[in-house]
C-alpha atoms as a PDB file:
ATOM      1  CA  MET A   1      -8.225  12.692  -7.732  1.00  0.00           C
ATOM      2  CA  GLN A   2      -8.138  11.888  -4.459  1.00  0.00           C
ATOM      3  CA  ILE A   3      -4.412  10.423  -3.889  1.00  0.00           C
ATOM      4  CA  ILE A   4      -4.389   7.156  -1.067  1.00  0.00           C
ATOM      5  CA  SER A   5      -1.314   7.247   1.123  1.00  0.00           C
ATOM      6  CA  ARG A   6       0.835   4.296   1.783  1.00  0.00           C
ATOM      7  CA  ILE A   7       1.693   5.809   5.248  1.00  0.00           C
ATOM      8  CA  PRO A   8      -0.569   3.566   7.596  1.00  0.00           C
ATOM      9  CA  GLN A   9      -2.741   5.693  10.012  1.00  0.00           C
ATOM     10  CA  PRO A  10      -2.139   4.810  13.609  1.00  0.00           C
ATOM     11  CA  ALA A  11      -5.295   4.657  15.866  1.00  0.00           C
ATOM     12  CA  GLY A  12      -4.207   6.887  18.768  1.00  0.00           C
ATOM     13  CA  THR A  13      -1.033   7.641  20.160  1.00  0.00           C
ATOM     14  CA  THR A  14      -0.825   5.235  23.288  1.00  0.00           C
ATOM     15  CA  PHE A  15       2.442   3.264  23.556  1.00  0.00           C
ATOM     16  CA  GLU A  16       0.318  -0.055  21.821  1.00  0.00           C
ATOM     17  CA  ASN A  17      -1.091   2.484  19.599  1.00  0.00           C
ATOM     18  CA  ILE A  18       2.503   3.392  18.024  1.00  0.00           C
ATOM     19  CA  ARG A  19       3.820   0.050  18.251  1.00  0.00           C
ATOM     20  CA  ASP A  20       1.078  -1.313  15.995  1.00  0.00           C
ATOM     21  CA  TRP A  21       1.784   0.872  13.719  1.00  0.00           C
ATOM     22  CA  PHE A  22       5.329   0.130  13.682  1.00  0.00           C
ATOM     23  CA  ILE A  23       4.241  -3.411  12.307  1.00  0.00           C
ATOM     24  CA  ALA A  24       2.198  -1.331   9.574  1.00  0.00           C
ATOM     25  CA  MET A  25       4.665   0.261   8.434  1.00  0.00           C
ATOM     26  CA  ARG A  26       7.149  -2.935   8.609  1.00  0.00           C
ATOM     27  CA  ASP A  27       4.676  -4.683   7.036  1.00  0.00           C
ATOM     28  CA  SER A  28       4.464  -1.975   4.018  1.00  0.00           C
ATOM     29  CA  GLY A  29       8.158  -2.423   3.992  1.00  0.00           C
ATOM     30  CA  LEU A  30       8.115   1.108   4.897  1.00  0.00           C
ATOM     31  CA  LEU A  31       9.695   0.685   8.271  1.00  0.00           C
ATOM     32  CA  PHE A  32      12.343   3.474   9.065  1.00  0.00           C
ATOM     33  CA  HIS A  33      13.985   4.580  11.962  1.00  0.00           C
ATOM     34  CA  PRO A  34      11.908   7.362  13.937  1.00  0.00           C
ATOM     35  CA  GLU A  35      14.615   9.950  14.896  1.00  0.00           C
ATOM     36  CA  ASP A  36      15.721   9.415  10.985  1.00  0.00           C
ATOM     37  CA  ASP A  37      14.141  12.159   8.755  1.00  0.00           C
ATOM     38  CA  PRO A  38      11.976  10.398   6.175  1.00  0.00           C
ATOM     39  CA  ALA A  39      13.328  12.479   3.350  1.00  0.00           C
ATOM     40  CA  ASP A  40      16.852  11.260   4.221  1.00  0.00           C
ATOM     41  CA  ILE A  41      15.380   7.601   3.558  1.00  0.00           C
ATOM     42  CA  VAL A  42      16.360   5.863   0.166  1.00  0.00           C
ATOM     43  CA  ARG A  43      16.011   2.514  -1.213  1.00  0.00           C
ATOM     44  CA  ILE A  44      19.132   0.371  -1.181  1.00  0.00           C
ATOM     45  CA  ASP A  45      18.072  -1.364  -4.502  1.00  0.00           C
ATOM     46  CA  SER A  46      18.077   2.434  -6.219  1.00  0.00           C
ATOM     47  CA  GLY A  47      19.048   5.134  -4.074  1.00  0.00           C
ATOM     48  CA  GLU A  48      16.044   6.708  -4.885  1.00  0.00           C
ATOM     49  CA  GLN A  49      13.804   8.399  -2.153  1.00  0.00           C
ATOM     50  CA  LEU A  50      11.470   6.390  -0.299  1.00  0.00           C
ATOM     51  CA  PHE A  51       9.084   8.799   0.087  1.00  0.00           C
ATOM     52  CA  THR A  52       6.941  11.035  -1.445  1.00  0.00           C
ATOM     53  CA  ASP A  53       7.434  14.621  -0.807  1.00  0.00           C
ATOM     54  CA  THR A  54       3.943  14.505   0.304  1.00  0.00           C
ATOM     55  CA  GLU A  55       4.458  11.021   2.474  1.00  0.00           C
ATOM     56  CA  VAL A  56       7.162  12.940   4.008  1.00  0.00           C
ATOM     57  CA  VAL A  57       5.597  15.732   5.129  1.00  0.00           C
ATOM     58  CA  GLU A  58       2.580  13.107   6.623  1.00  0.00           C
ATOM     59  CA  LEU A  59       5.241  11.386   8.445  1.00  0.00           C
ATOM     60  CA  ARG A  60       6.512  14.335  10.171  1.00  0.00           C
ATOM     61  CA  ALA A  61       3.331  15.070  11.409  1.00  0.00           C
ATOM     62  CA  LEU A  62       2.939  11.890  12.757  1.00  0.00           C
ATOM     63  CA  LEU A  63       6.279  11.342  14.402  1.00  0.00           C
ATOM     64  CA  ASP A  64       5.855  14.846  16.290  1.00  0.00           C
ATOM     65  CA  ARG A  65       2.319  13.676  17.661  1.00  0.00           C
ATOM     66  CA  PHE A  66       4.275  10.818  18.933  1.00  0.00           C
ATOM     67  CA  PHE A  67       7.263  12.578  19.994  1.00  0.00           C
ATOM     68  CA  THR A  68       5.177  14.632  22.247  1.00  0.00           C
ATOM     69  CA  ALA A  69       2.603  11.970  23.257  1.00  0.00           C
ATOM     70  CA  GLN A  70       5.416   9.150  24.224  1.00  0.00           C
ATOM     71  CA  GLU A  71       8.832  11.262  24.275  1.00  0.00           C
ATOM     72  CA  GLU A  72      11.345   8.165  24.359  1.00  0.00           C
ATOM     73  CA  GLY A  73       8.065   5.273  24.607  1.00  0.00           C
ATOM     74  CA  VAL A  74       8.840   5.974  20.243  1.00  0.00           C
ATOM     75  CA  CYS A  75      11.392   4.307  20.284  1.00  0.00           C
ATOM     76  CA  GLU A  76      10.870   1.551  23.004  1.00  0.00           C
ATOM     77  CA  ALA A  77       7.877   1.051  20.926  1.00  0.00           C
ATOM     78  CA  GLY A  78       9.360   0.177  17.690  1.00  0.00           C
ATOM     79  CA  TYR A  79      12.049  -1.590  19.206  1.00  0.00           C
ATOM     80  CA  PRO A  80      10.934  -5.193  19.263  1.00  0.00           C
ATOM     81  CA  VAL A  81       9.693  -4.736  15.722  1.00  0.00           C
ATOM     82  CA  PHE A  82      13.013  -3.164  14.248  1.00  0.00           C
ATOM     83  CA  MET A  83      14.719  -6.378  16.048  1.00  0.00           C
ATOM     84  CA  ASP A  84      12.322  -8.757  14.456  1.00  0.00           C
ATOM     85  CA  ALA A  85      12.540  -7.456  11.411  1.00  0.00           C
ATOM     86  CA  LEU A  86      16.479  -7.846  11.387  1.00  0.00           C
ATOM     87  CA  GLY A  87      15.533 -11.585  12.639  1.00  0.00           C
ATOM     88  CA  LEU A  88      16.852 -10.543  15.762  1.00  0.00           C
ATOM     89  CA  SER A  89      14.067 -11.177  17.708  1.00  0.00           C
ATOM     90  CA  ARG A  90      15.818 -12.909  20.743  1.00  0.00           C
ATOM     91  CA  PHE A  91      17.145  -9.645  21.742  1.00  0.00           C
ATOM     92  CA  ALA A  92      14.001  -7.679  22.094  1.00  0.00           C
ATOM     93  CA  GLU A  93      11.718  -8.340  24.963  1.00  0.00           C
ATOM     94  CA  VAL A  94       8.809  -9.101  22.741  1.00  0.00           C
ATOM     95  CA  ASP A  95       5.133  -9.292  23.773  1.00  0.00           C
ATOM     96  CA  THR A  96       3.501 -12.743  23.156  1.00  0.00           C
ATOM     97  CA  ALA A  97      -0.136 -10.729  23.053  1.00  0.00           C
ATOM     98  CA  MET A  98       1.607  -9.679  19.622  1.00  0.00           C
ATOM     99  CA  PRO A  99      -0.007 -11.439  16.654  1.00  0.00           C
ATOM    100  CA  SER A 100       0.845  -9.086  13.793  1.00  0.00           C
ATOM    101  CA  LEU A 101       4.812  -9.598  14.873  1.00  0.00           C
ATOM    102  CA  GLY A 102       5.731 -12.916  14.166  1.00  0.00           C
ATOM    103  CA  THR A 103       8.951 -14.278  16.550  1.00  0.00           C
ATOM    104  CA  ARG A 104      11.537 -16.493  15.196  1.00  0.00           C
ATOM    105  CA  SER A 105      13.107 -19.186  17.463  1.00  0.00           C
ATOM    106  CA  ASP A 106      16.318 -19.641  18.682  1.00  0.00           C
ATOM    107  CA  ALA A 107      16.661 -22.646  15.862  1.00  0.00           C
ATOM    108  CA  GLU A 108      15.540 -20.651  13.480  1.00  0.00           C
ATOM    109  CA  LEU A 109      18.314 -17.569  14.305  1.00  0.00           C
ATOM    110  CA  GLN A 110      21.252 -20.033  13.686  1.00  0.00           C
END
């Protein structure tokens, strides 16, 4: 039996690929800070581990690839996605060419 992963697969390790991966993680409800160990991420509502052991291994490998390719650019790629997820898009430099990153107006944030 083949197990289907919940972890989106990036198209590559460019800044844009990593940004798109963060967007896919956000859209899947799996967004977490890349400097955190995925094994330490828990669901707020239940306190249960968010990722399975298999997913933790997969995420660690992906993050290792990302940081090897982009170093601090990994956090920079994720920043506008995190700000958007928190409803703080106005504090991030959001690339308007990112159609999948829904931005909110200042009026909506007040």
